[in-house]
Amino acid sequence: MELKYILTSKENGIETITFHRPEALNALNSELLDDLDAAVSDAALDPDVRVIVFTGEGKAFISGADINEMNNKKNLEIIDYSRKGAALFRRIETLPKPTIAAVNGYAFGGGLEFALCCDVILANEKASFALPEATLGIVPGFNGTQRLPKIIGLSKAKEMMFTGRRVKADEALAMGLVFKVFSLEDFQAEVIREAEMMASASASAISLIKSAVCAGADVSVDVGKDIELGYMTACFGTEDQIEGFTAFLEKRKPVFRR
């Protein structure tokens, strides 16, 4: 598949999807969202892909939504655009495969909102994060108001959104927005190392774990514990469960099939 604004590569079960619009600092427009949708769909259906890594080309991860495109839209058109992006981000958030946002630079507006829908956010030391919509007179449109408070807390999220200020990588790490920060030199290798650890685990177990987490995110513990019980029970009798237990008893590394 030939895509204009997305580059893809696959190695050792890891699919890397790179935002490829460097002339606009990888700003999101309708075409890029369409390309992303196509690339994600292919990776989701590919049985050889166990982990999906998202990153950006150049000095930006995603610098935000394309203001030039948005500037010409009216109310109903903006609703359609926002729903399109939000639906795609939600689909990525609930993919059965683990996802990593490898934030290599600017993650502003829609860029931060995209990173928030990934399972793990890794960053290099030059990365920075912001939701600057209030400084443009608008509201975040890809569900940043919903996801950010759940990750860093209401007060910190409100401060970021009310001021639109840029948060550097070290502060993002301290506030729990980012899982790990790496040097520029080590970043790519460390991202792959993290992805390889996920790829070596049971894909079926990860899929069920992710489903349990998503299903239980907004319910009480009493409801969530039964959700978890259902997914845990579903693992037993699978090839991966049998292999995992057998490998443990035989004191060897498991070789999972899916």
Protein backbone atom coordinates (compact mmCIF):
# COMPACT_ATOMS: atom_id res chain seq x y z
CA MET A 1 0.00 0.00 0.00
CA GLU A 2 1.35 3.43 -0.96
CA LEU A 3 0.57 6.16 1.55
CA LYS A 4 1.39 9.85 1.23
CA TYR A 5 1.79 10.89 4.84
CA ILE A 6 2.64 7.61 6.59
CA LEU A 7 5.71 5.39 6.40
CA THR A 8 5.58 1.79 7.62
CA SER A 9 8.18 -0.86 8.36
CA LYS A 10 8.05 -4.25 10.04
CA GLU A 11 10.75 -6.29 11.74
CA ASN A 12 10.65 -9.07 14.34
CA GLY A 13 6.94 -8.64 14.95
CA ILE A 14 7.18 -4.88 15.48
CA GLU A 15 5.37 -2.57 13.07
CA THR A 16 6.67 1.00 13.05
CA ILE A 17 4.24 3.61 11.75
CA THR A 18 5.94 6.96 11.12
CA PHE A 19 4.12 10.24 10.59
CA HIS A 20 5.60 11.59 7.37
CA ARG A 21 4.62 15.18 6.81
CA PRO A 22 7.83 16.98 7.84
CA GLU A 23 7.08 20.14 5.86
CA ALA A 24 4.19 20.74 8.29
CA LEU A 25 5.87 19.22 11.36
CA ASN A 26 3.58 16.21 10.88
CA ALA A 27 0.45 18.26 11.53
CA LEU A 28 -2.74 16.23 11.27
CA ASN A 29 -4.98 16.85 8.30
CA SER A 30 -7.76 14.76 6.77
CA GLU A 31 -5.41 12.98 4.36
CA LEU A 32 -2.99 12.02 7.11
CA LEU A 33 -5.85 10.67 9.21
CA ASP A 34 -7.00 8.58 6.23
CA ASP A 35 -3.47 7.23 5.73
CA LEU A 36 -3.16 6.48 9.44
CA ASP A 37 -6.48 4.65 9.40
CA ALA A 38 -5.31 2.48 6.50
CA ALA A 39 -1.93 1.72 8.08
CA VAL A 40 -3.47 0.82 11.44
CA SER A 41 -6.06 -1.41 9.77
CA ASP A 42 -3.32 -3.34 7.95
CA ALA A 43 -1.22 -3.72 11.11
CA ALA A 44 -4.23 -4.84 13.14
CA LEU A 45 -5.05 -7.60 10.65
CA ASP A 46 -1.45 -8.78 10.12
CA PRO A 47 -0.86 -11.89 12.27
CA ASP A 48 2.88 -11.25 12.18
CA VAL A 49 2.53 -7.86 13.89
CA ARG A 50 2.65 -8.20 17.67
CA VAL A 51 3.43 -4.59 18.67
CA ILE A 52 2.78 -1.25 16.92
CA VAL A 53 5.15 1.69 17.43
CA PHE A 54 4.13 5.19 16.37
CA THR A 55 6.73 7.93 15.85
CA GLY A 56 7.34 11.06 13.80
CA GLU A 57 9.75 12.08 11.09
CA GLY A 58 12.04 15.03 11.81
CA LYS A 59 11.81 17.13 14.97
CA ALA A 60 8.10 16.59 15.59
CA PHE A 61 5.97 13.67 16.68
CA ILE A 62 2.78 15.49 15.70
CA SER A 63 2.73 19.27 16.03
CA GLY A 64 -1.07 19.39 16.26
CA ALA A 65 -4.00 19.64 13.90
CA ASP A 66 -3.52 21.52 10.65
CA ILE A 67 -4.78 25.05 11.42
CA ASN A 68 -4.88 25.95 7.73
CA GLU A 69 -7.38 23.15 7.09
CA MET A 70 -9.42 23.84 10.22
CA ASN A 71 -9.58 27.59 9.56
CA ASN A 72 -11.93 27.10 6.63
CA LYS A 73 -14.36 24.77 8.39
CA LYS A 74 -17.74 25.71 9.83
CA ASN A 75 -19.48 24.23 12.87
CA LEU A 76 -20.86 21.05 11.33
CA GLU A 77 -17.67 20.45 9.34
CA ILE A 78 -15.60 20.73 12.52
CA ILE A 79 -17.94 18.27 14.25
CA ASP A 80 -17.36 15.76 11.44
CA TYR A 81 -13.58 16.34 11.51
CA SER A 82 -13.41 15.95 15.29
CA ARG A 83 -15.55 12.82 15.27
CA LYS A 84 -13.39 11.32 12.52
CA GLY A 85 -10.18 11.79 14.48
CA ALA A 86 -11.71 10.84 17.83
CA ALA A 87 -13.16 7.62 16.41
CA LEU A 88 -9.80 6.63 14.91
CA PHE A 89 -7.96 7.42 18.15
CA ARG A 90 -10.47 5.37 20.13
CA ARG A 91 -10.03 2.45 17.75
CA ILE A 92 -6.27 2.62 18.28
CA GLU A 93 -6.79 2.85 22.04
CA THR A 94 -8.79 -0.40 22.00
CA LEU A 95 -6.70 -2.35 19.47
CA PRO A 96 -6.00 -5.89 20.71
CA LYS A 97 -2.28 -5.29 20.08
CA PRO A 98 -0.04 -3.17 22.34
CA THR A 99 0.87 0.29 21.06
CA ILE A 100 3.80 2.57 21.89
CA ALA A 101 3.96 6.31 21.23
CA ALA A 102 7.66 6.99 20.64
CA VAL A 103 7.57 10.77 21.02
CA ASN A 104 10.63 12.12 19.26
CA GLY A 105 9.84 15.86 19.47
CA TYR A 106 6.82 18.15 19.53
CA ALA A 107 3.57 16.52 20.66
CA PHE A 108 1.15 19.43 20.68
CA GLY A 109 -2.64 19.50 20.50
CA GLY A 110 -3.75 16.51 18.45
CA GLY A 111 -0.23 15.10 18.81
CA LEU A 112 -0.53 14.82 22.58
CA GLU A 113 -4.09 13.59 22.19
CA PHE A 114 -2.84 10.85 19.88
CA ALA A 115 -0.07 9.84 22.29
CA LEU A 116 -2.66 9.60 25.08
CA CYS A 117 -4.56 6.92 23.15
CA CYS A 118 -1.47 4.67 23.00
CA ASP A 119 -0.72 2.13 25.71
CA VAL A 120 2.74 3.44 26.59
CA ILE A 121 4.38 6.82 25.94
CA LEU A 122 8.16 6.86 25.59
CA ALA A 123 10.02 10.10 24.88
CA ASN A 124 13.45 11.38 24.03
CA GLU A 125 14.98 14.20 26.02
CA LYS A 126 13.97 16.82 23.43
CA ALA A 127 10.28 15.90 23.43
CA SER A 128 7.73 18.42 24.64
CA PHE A 129 4.00 18.24 25.20
CA ALA A 130 1.15 20.75 25.16
CA LEU A 131 -2.57 21.22 24.67
CA PRO A 132 -2.51 24.83 23.40
CA GLU A 133 -6.11 25.02 22.21
CA ALA A 134 -7.15 27.65 24.79
CA THR A 135 -4.55 30.02 23.32
CA LEU A 136 -6.32 29.62 19.95
CA GLY A 137 -9.79 30.17 21.35
CA ILE A 138 -10.91 26.57 20.92
CA VAL A 139 -11.38 23.33 22.86
CA PRO A 140 -9.33 20.14 22.27
CA GLY A 141 -11.21 18.07 19.70
CA PHE A 142 -9.68 14.59 19.90
CA ASN A 143 -10.68 13.86 23.51
CA GLY A 144 -7.68 15.36 25.30
CA THR A 145 -10.05 16.83 27.90
CA GLN A 146 -11.15 13.28 28.72
CA ARG A 147 -7.90 11.31 28.66
CA LEU A 148 -5.34 13.72 30.13
CA PRO A 149 -7.05 14.14 33.56
CA LYS A 150 -7.24 10.37 33.95
CA ILE A 151 -3.48 10.07 33.46
CA ILE A 152 -2.03 13.05 35.35
CA GLY A 153 -4.96 14.14 37.53
CA LEU A 154 -7.54 16.91 37.26
CA SER A 155 -5.49 19.80 38.64
CA LYS A 156 -2.40 19.22 36.51
CA ALA A 157 -4.50 18.57 33.41
CA LYS A 158 -6.51 21.74 33.92
CA GLU A 159 -3.35 23.81 34.37
CA MET A 160 -1.88 22.43 31.14
CA MET A 161 -5.09 23.07 29.21
CA PHE A 162 -5.84 26.49 30.73
CA THR A 163 -2.34 27.84 30.02
CA GLY A 164 -1.41 25.88 26.89
CA ARG A 165 2.17 25.82 28.14
CA ARG A 166 4.78 23.39 26.87
CA VAL A 167 5.82 20.61 29.22
CA LYS A 168 9.33 19.30 28.67
CA ALA A 169 10.22 15.63 28.81
CA ASP A 170 11.59 15.62 32.35
CA GLU A 171 8.47 17.30 33.76
CA ALA A 172 6.24 14.99 31.73
CA LEU A 173 8.05 12.04 33.31
CA ALA A 174 7.66 13.48 36.82
CA MET A 175 3.91 14.04 36.40
CA GLY A 176 3.33 10.52 35.04
CA LEU A 177 2.45 11.56 31.51
CA VAL A 178 5.48 9.71 30.09
CA PHE A 179 6.65 6.26 31.12
CA LYS A 180 10.36 6.70 30.32
CA VAL A 181 12.67 9.35 28.85
CA PHE A 182 15.81 8.46 26.91
CA SER A 183 18.74 10.34 25.44
CA LEU A 184 18.68 11.17 21.74
CA GLU A 185 21.41 8.62 21.12
CA ASP A 186 19.66 5.77 22.93
CA PHE A 187 16.06 6.58 22.06
CA GLN A 188 15.47 4.39 19.01
CA ALA A 189 17.26 1.37 20.50
CA GLU A 190 15.40 1.69 23.80
CA VAL A 191 12.03 1.97 22.06
CA ILE A 192 12.77 -1.22 20.13
CA ARG A 193 13.94 -2.93 23.30
CA GLU A 194 10.65 -2.08 25.01
CA ALA A 195 8.68 -3.25 21.98
CA GLU A 196 10.66 -6.50 21.81
CA MET A 197 9.79 -7.30 25.44
CA MET A 198 6.11 -6.89 24.60
CA ALA A 199 6.48 -8.90 21.40
CA SER A 200 8.04 -11.81 23.30
CA ALA A 201 5.06 -12.09 25.65
CA SER A 202 1.82 -13.86 24.85
CA ALA A 203 -0.13 -11.86 22.28
CA SER A 204 -3.40 -13.52 23.29
CA ALA A 205 -2.81 -12.71 26.96
CA ILE A 206 -1.92 -9.10 26.16
CA SER A 207 -5.06 -8.78 24.07
CA LEU A 208 -7.22 -10.02 26.94
CA ILE A 209 -5.38 -7.89 29.51
CA LYS A 210 -5.92 -4.81 27.35
CA SER A 211 -9.59 -5.66 26.93
CA ALA A 212 -9.98 -6.04 30.69
CA VAL A 213 -8.29 -2.72 31.36
CA CYS A 214 -10.41 -0.88 28.78
CA ALA A 215 -13.65 -2.49 29.94
CA GLY A 216 -12.92 -1.80 33.60
CA ALA A 217 -11.55 1.73 33.30
CA ASP A 218 -14.79 3.52 34.14
CA VAL A 219 -16.61 1.03 36.34
CA SER A 220 -16.50 0.22 40.04
CA VAL A 221 -14.01 -2.28 41.43
CA ASP A 222 -16.88 -4.66 42.17
CA VAL A 223 -17.84 -4.68 38.49
CA GLY A 224 -14.23 -4.62 37.31
CA LYS A 225 -13.21 -7.67 39.31
CA ASP A 226 -15.80 -9.77 37.50
CA ILE A 227 -14.65 -8.38 34.15
CA GLU A 228 -11.11 -9.42 35.01
CA LEU A 229 -12.26 -12.85 36.16
CA GLY A 230 -13.94 -13.47 32.81
CA TYR A 231 -10.84 -12.56 30.82
CA MET A 232 -8.52 -14.49 33.16
CA THR A 233 -10.68 -17.60 32.84
CA ALA A 234 -10.70 -17.25 29.05
CA CYS A 235 -6.90 -17.69 28.99
CA PHE A 236 -7.00 -21.22 30.38
CA GLY A 237 -6.80 -23.93 27.78
CA THR A 238 -5.24 -21.66 25.16
CA GLU A 239 -1.99 -22.67 23.50
CA ASP A 240 -0.17 -19.76 25.10
CA GLN A 241 -1.38 -20.59 28.61
CA ILE A 242 -0.31 -24.19 28.22
CA GLU A 243 3.07 -23.15 26.81
CA GLY A 244 3.59 -20.53 29.52
CA PHE A 245 2.90 -22.94 32.37
CA THR A 246 4.92 -25.74 30.76
CA ALA A 247 7.91 -23.45 30.17
CA PHE A 248 7.78 -22.24 33.78
CA LEU A 249 7.76 -25.80 35.14
CA GLU A 250 10.54 -26.82 32.74
CA LYS A 251 12.56 -23.71 33.71
CA ARG A 252 12.87 -22.37 30.15
CA LYS A 253 11.70 -19.37 28.19
CA PRO A 254 8.26 -19.80 26.65
CA VAL A 255 7.77 -19.68 22.90
CA PHE A 256 4.35 -18.19 22.31
CA ARG A 257 2.49 -18.72 19.06
CA ARG A 258 0.12 -15.74 19.17
